[in-house]
């Protein structure tokens, strides 16, 4: 399986999970973006706008993952983040789909995500070569009430590919 095959499957999975899917031009190139929003009373009556952003690359690096995460958050904030913090927030799953992954990128994907005001970012890497999806699996304190929903969306959209 190559990156484009994985992206096509991800587009179907995102649509099946309730996202509207499109291709979006970001500063780093064209990415596949799935968007959905959810409102839950159990989330203290807040609405979360989720953007799942996938970008293909040959070799995933920590620099690329950081850039994609920033580009995806900027896109999400510009698209649906005008009232962030007022019963509304954005969540972003920023994923590189790569043939291989550097050790630094692997460490960056599995590290605790940084805090941001009314925005959650969960970086991930789909390693096509090793057949795994890398992301943070520890406790999420900032935005903890959204964590299980966000992780379920990541699992639905980015399952581990078949190893080569």
C-alpha atoms as a PDB file:
ATOM      1  CA  UNK A   1       0.000   0.000   0.000  1.00  0.00           C
ATOM      2  CA  UNK A   2       1.299   3.461  -0.853  1.00  0.00           C
ATOM      3  CA  UNK A   3       0.353   6.826   0.675  1.00  0.00           C
ATOM      4  CA  UNK A   4      -2.279   7.680  -1.935  1.00  0.00           C
ATOM      5  CA  UNK A   5      -4.002   4.303  -1.438  1.00  0.00           C
ATOM      6  CA  UNK A   6      -4.054   4.926   2.308  1.00  0.00           C
ATOM      7  CA  UNK A   7      -5.457   8.449   1.804  1.00  0.00           C
ATOM      8  CA  UNK A   8      -8.264   7.097  -0.384  1.00  0.00           C
ATOM      9  CA  UNK A   9      -9.174   4.572   2.303  1.00  0.00           C
ATOM     10  CA  UNK A  10      -8.933   7.290   4.964  1.00  0.00           C
ATOM     11  CA  UNK A  11     -11.326   9.472   2.973  1.00  0.00           C
ATOM     12  CA  UNK A  12     -13.896   6.668   2.988  1.00  0.00           C
ATOM     13  CA  UNK A  13     -13.381   5.982   6.700  1.00  0.00           C
ATOM     14  CA  UNK A  14     -13.724   9.684   7.535  1.00  0.00           C
ATOM     15  CA  UNK A  15     -16.963   9.930   5.544  1.00  0.00           C
ATOM     16  CA  UNK A  16     -18.308   6.792   7.228  1.00  0.00           C
ATOM     17  CA  UNK A  17     -17.490   8.411  10.588  1.00  0.00           C
ATOM     18  CA  UNK A  18     -19.524  11.525   9.736  1.00  0.00           C
ATOM     19  CA  UNK A  19     -16.890  13.871   8.319  1.00  0.00           C
ATOM     20  CA  UNK A  20     -17.100  16.034   5.233  1.00  0.00           C
ATOM     21  CA  UNK A  21     -13.928  15.298   3.255  1.00  0.00           C
ATOM     22  CA  UNK A  22     -12.004  17.584   0.912  1.00  0.00           C
ATOM     23  CA  UNK A  23      -8.512  18.325  -0.359  1.00  0.00           C
ATOM     24  CA  UNK A  24      -7.094  21.550   1.062  1.00  0.00           C
ATOM     25  CA  UNK A  25      -4.016  23.516   0.097  1.00  0.00           C
ATOM     26  CA  UNK A  26      -1.861  24.159   3.167  1.00  0.00           C
ATOM     27  CA  UNK A  27       1.550  25.891   3.235  1.00  0.00           C
ATOM     28  CA  UNK A  28       3.288  22.478   3.120  1.00  0.00           C
ATOM     29  CA  UNK A  29       1.203  21.160   0.203  1.00  0.00           C
ATOM     30  CA  UNK A  30      -2.176  19.576  -0.448  1.00  0.00           C
ATOM     31  CA  UNK A  31      -3.704  17.622   2.423  1.00  0.00           C
ATOM     32  CA  UNK A  32      -6.776  15.461   2.858  1.00  0.00           C
ATOM     33  CA  UNK A  33      -9.060  17.063   5.450  1.00  0.00           C
ATOM     34  CA  UNK A  34     -12.055  15.560   7.190  1.00  0.00           C
ATOM     35  CA  UNK A  35     -14.317  17.895   9.171  1.00  0.00           C
ATOM     36  CA  UNK A  36     -17.086  17.178  11.648  1.00  0.00           C
ATOM     37  CA  UNK A  37     -18.531  18.917  14.676  1.00  0.00           C
ATOM     38  CA  UNK A  38     -20.164  17.522  17.782  1.00  0.00           C
ATOM     39  CA  UNK A  39     -22.122  19.087  20.620  1.00  0.00           C
ATOM     40  CA  UNK A  40     -22.582  17.225  23.867  1.00  0.00           C
ATOM     41  CA  UNK A  41     -24.170  18.301  27.112  1.00  0.00           C
ATOM     42  CA  UNK A  42     -21.677  16.063  28.943  1.00  0.00           C
ATOM     43  CA  UNK A  43     -18.911  18.250  27.524  1.00  0.00           C
ATOM     44  CA  UNK A  44     -20.308  21.114  29.592  1.00  0.00           C
ATOM     45  CA  UNK A  45     -22.547  22.023  26.647  1.00  0.00           C
ATOM     46  CA  UNK A  46     -19.667  22.733  24.300  1.00  0.00           C
ATOM     47  CA  UNK A  47     -19.297  22.176  20.592  1.00  0.00           C
ATOM     48  CA  UNK A  48     -16.076  20.722  19.215  1.00  0.00           C
ATOM     49  CA  UNK A  49     -15.034  21.231  15.600  1.00  0.00           C
ATOM     50  CA  UNK A  50     -12.774  18.312  14.609  1.00  0.00           C
ATOM     51  CA  UNK A  51     -10.382  18.524  11.683  1.00  0.00           C
ATOM     52  CA  UNK A  52      -8.516  15.363  10.687  1.00  0.00           C
ATOM     53  CA  UNK A  53      -5.668  16.404   8.398  1.00  0.00           C
ATOM     54  CA  UNK A  54      -3.582  13.821   6.515  1.00  0.00           C
ATOM     55  CA  UNK A  55      -0.498  14.702   4.514  1.00  0.00           C
ATOM     56  CA  UNK A  56       1.526  12.181   2.453  1.00  0.00           C
ATOM     57  CA  UNK A  57       5.325  12.161   2.574  1.00  0.00           C
ATOM     58  CA  UNK A  58       8.168   9.771   1.806  1.00  0.00           C
ATOM     59  CA  UNK A  59       9.975  10.155   5.142  1.00  0.00           C
ATOM     60  CA  UNK A  60       8.222  11.545   8.231  1.00  0.00           C
ATOM     61  CA  UNK A  61      10.392  13.914  10.275  1.00  0.00           C
ATOM     62  CA  UNK A  62       9.725  15.728  13.525  1.00  0.00           C
ATOM     63  CA  UNK A  63      10.057  19.045  11.668  1.00  0.00           C
ATOM     64  CA  UNK A  64       7.378  18.005   9.165  1.00  0.00           C
ATOM     65  CA  UNK A  65       5.049  16.825  11.929  1.00  0.00           C
ATOM     66  CA  UNK A  66       5.431  20.115  13.819  1.00  0.00           C
ATOM     67  CA  UNK A  67       4.834  22.126  10.633  1.00  0.00           C
ATOM     68  CA  UNK A  68       1.776  20.075   9.676  1.00  0.00           C
ATOM     69  CA  UNK A  69       0.359  20.403  13.196  1.00  0.00           C
ATOM     70  CA  UNK A  70       0.793  24.184  13.108  1.00  0.00           C
ATOM     71  CA  UNK A  71      -0.609  24.502   9.573  1.00  0.00           C
ATOM     72  CA  UNK A  72      -3.604  22.318  10.490  1.00  0.00           C
ATOM     73  CA  UNK A  73      -4.344  24.286  13.665  1.00  0.00           C
ATOM     74  CA  UNK A  74      -4.079  27.579  11.773  1.00  0.00           C
ATOM     75  CA  UNK A  75      -6.477  26.233   9.126  1.00  0.00           C
ATOM     76  CA  UNK A  76      -8.921  24.978  11.783  1.00  0.00           C
ATOM     77  CA  UNK A  77      -8.858  28.259  13.686  1.00  0.00           C
ATOM     78  CA  UNK A  78      -9.376  30.270  10.493  1.00  0.00           C
ATOM     79  CA  UNK A  79     -12.222  27.987   9.387  1.00  0.00           C
ATOM     80  CA  UNK A  80     -14.198  27.367  12.595  1.00  0.00           C
ATOM     81  CA  UNK A  81     -12.274  28.919  15.461  1.00  0.00           C
ATOM     82  CA  UNK A  82     -13.636  32.445  15.704  1.00  0.00           C
ATOM     83  CA  UNK A  83     -15.567  31.814  18.928  1.00  0.00           C
ATOM     84  CA  UNK A  84     -13.089  29.413  20.536  1.00  0.00           C
ATOM     85  CA  UNK A  85     -13.402  29.344  24.297  1.00  0.00           C
ATOM     86  CA  UNK A  86     -17.074  30.431  24.323  1.00  0.00           C
ATOM     87  CA  UNK A  87     -18.695  26.997  24.486  1.00  0.00           C
ATOM     88  CA  UNK A  88     -16.757  26.081  21.339  1.00  0.00           C
ATOM     89  CA  UNK A  89     -13.343  24.709  20.512  1.00  0.00           C
ATOM     90  CA  UNK A  90     -11.335  23.058  17.788  1.00  0.00           C
ATOM     91  CA  UNK A  91      -9.617  19.705  17.821  1.00  0.00           C
ATOM     92  CA  UNK A  92      -7.089  18.646  15.213  1.00  0.00           C
ATOM     93  CA  UNK A  93      -5.683  15.258  14.348  1.00  0.00           C
ATOM     94  CA  UNK A  94      -2.635  16.099  12.230  1.00  0.00           C
ATOM     95  CA  UNK A  95      -1.210  12.976  10.576  1.00  0.00           C
ATOM     96  CA  UNK A  96       1.687  12.310   8.263  1.00  0.00           C
ATOM     97  CA  UNK A  97       1.271   9.237   6.046  1.00  0.00           C
ATOM     98  CA  UNK A  98       4.817   8.067   5.357  1.00  0.00           C
ATOM     99  CA  UNK A  99       6.807   5.257   3.815  1.00  0.00           C
ATOM    100  CA  UNK A 100       9.352   5.549   6.655  1.00  0.00           C
ATOM    101  CA  UNK A 101       9.677   7.446   9.929  1.00  0.00           C
ATOM    102  CA  UNK A 102      12.710   8.954  11.671  1.00  0.00           C
ATOM    103  CA  UNK A 103      13.259   8.219  15.357  1.00  0.00           C
ATOM    104  CA  UNK A 104      12.750  11.896  16.195  1.00  0.00           C
ATOM    105  CA  UNK A 105       9.405  11.906  14.369  1.00  0.00           C
ATOM    106  CA  UNK A 106       8.306   8.775  16.190  1.00  0.00           C
ATOM    107  CA  UNK A 107       9.204  10.402  19.510  1.00  0.00           C
ATOM    108  CA  UNK A 108       7.355  13.601  18.544  1.00  0.00           C
ATOM    109  CA  UNK A 109       4.189  11.709  17.561  1.00  0.00           C
ATOM    110  CA  UNK A 110       4.074   9.765  20.820  1.00  0.00           C
ATOM    111  CA  UNK A 111       4.942  12.727  23.089  1.00  0.00           C
ATOM    112  CA  UNK A 112       2.317  14.505  25.210  1.00  0.00           C
ATOM    113  CA  UNK A 113       0.587  17.144  23.021  1.00  0.00           C
ATOM    114  CA  UNK A 114       1.213  20.793  23.874  1.00  0.00           C
ATOM    115  CA  UNK A 115      -1.547  22.881  25.454  1.00  0.00           C
ATOM    116  CA  UNK A 116      -3.338  25.557  23.452  1.00  0.00           C
ATOM    117  CA  UNK A 117      -6.273  27.808  24.306  1.00  0.00           C
ATOM    118  CA  UNK A 118      -9.556  26.142  23.220  1.00  0.00           C
ATOM    119  CA  UNK A 119      -7.693  23.969  20.703  1.00  0.00           C
ATOM    120  CA  UNK A 120      -6.497  20.382  21.029  1.00  0.00           C
ATOM    121  CA  UNK A 121      -3.905  18.920  18.693  1.00  0.00           C
ATOM    122  CA  UNK A 122      -3.172  15.223  18.487  1.00  0.00           C
ATOM    123  CA  UNK A 123      -0.272  14.609  16.081  1.00  0.00           C
ATOM    124  CA  UNK A 124       0.012  11.172  14.495  1.00  0.00           C
ATOM    125  CA  UNK A 125       2.065   9.295  11.936  1.00  0.00           C
ATOM    126  CA  UNK A 126       0.884   6.408   9.797  1.00  0.00           C
ATOM    127  CA  UNK A 127       4.015   4.343   9.143  1.00  0.00           C
ATOM    128  CA  UNK A 128       3.301   2.397   5.955  1.00  0.00           C
ATOM    129  CA  UNK A 129       6.659   0.605   6.112  1.00  0.00           C
ATOM    130  CA  UNK A 130       6.199  -0.841   9.614  1.00  0.00           C
ATOM    131  CA  UNK A 131       2.410  -1.083   9.536  1.00  0.00           C
ATOM    132  CA  UNK A 132       1.640   1.053  12.567  1.00  0.00           C
ATOM    133  CA  UNK A 133      -0.030   4.288  13.564  1.00  0.00           C
ATOM    134  CA  UNK A 134       1.925   6.358  16.073  1.00  0.00           C
ATOM    135  CA  UNK A 135       0.235   8.812  18.441  1.00  0.00           C
ATOM    136  CA  UNK A 136       0.149   9.815  22.094  1.00  0.00           C
ATOM    137  CA  UNK A 137      -1.620   7.248  24.307  1.00  0.00           C
ATOM    138  CA  UNK A 138      -1.022   8.676  27.780  1.00  0.00           C
ATOM    139  CA  UNK A 139      -3.438  10.679  29.890  1.00  0.00           C
ATOM    140  CA  UNK A 140      -4.730  13.929  28.444  1.00  0.00           C
ATOM    141  CA  UNK A 141      -5.330  16.459  31.185  1.00  0.00           C
ATOM    142  CA  UNK A 142      -6.022  19.607  29.137  1.00  0.00           C
ATOM    143  CA  UNK A 143      -9.307  18.723  27.396  1.00  0.00           C
ATOM    144  CA  UNK A 144      -9.685  15.404  29.213  1.00  0.00           C
ATOM    145  CA  UNK A 145     -13.448  15.274  28.672  1.00  0.00           C
ATOM    146  CA  UNK A 146     -12.890  15.121  24.892  1.00  0.00           C
ATOM    147  CA  UNK A 147      -9.994  12.643  24.975  1.00  0.00           C
ATOM    148  CA  UNK A 148     -11.869   9.370  24.505  1.00  0.00           C
ATOM    149  CA  UNK A 149     -13.984  10.806  21.671  1.00  0.00           C
ATOM    150  CA  UNK A 150     -10.898  12.239  19.973  1.00  0.00           C
ATOM    151  CA  UNK A 151      -8.992   8.950  20.281  1.00  0.00           C
ATOM    152  CA  UNK A 152     -11.973   7.052  18.864  1.00  0.00           C
ATOM    153  CA  UNK A 153     -12.003   9.405  15.853  1.00  0.00           C
ATOM    154  CA  UNK A 154      -8.263   8.830  15.370  1.00  0.00           C
ATOM    155  CA  UNK A 155      -8.716   5.055  15.513  1.00  0.00           C
ATOM    156  CA  UNK A 156     -11.635   5.154  13.088  1.00  0.00           C
ATOM    157  CA  UNK A 157      -9.789   7.295  10.534  1.00  0.00           C
ATOM    158  CA  UNK A 158      -6.209   6.057  10.910  1.00  0.00           C
ATOM    159  CA  UNK A 159      -6.038   2.312  11.565  1.00  0.00           C
ATOM    160  CA  UNK A 160      -2.629   0.706  11.287  1.00  0.00           C
ATOM    161  CA  UNK A 161      -1.904  -0.290   7.682  1.00  0.00           C
ATOM    162  CA  UNK A 162      -0.940  -3.836   6.743  1.00  0.00           C
ATOM    163  CA  UNK A 163       2.829  -4.185   7.253  1.00  0.00           C
ATOM    164  CA  UNK A 164       4.979  -4.707   4.198  1.00  0.00           C
END
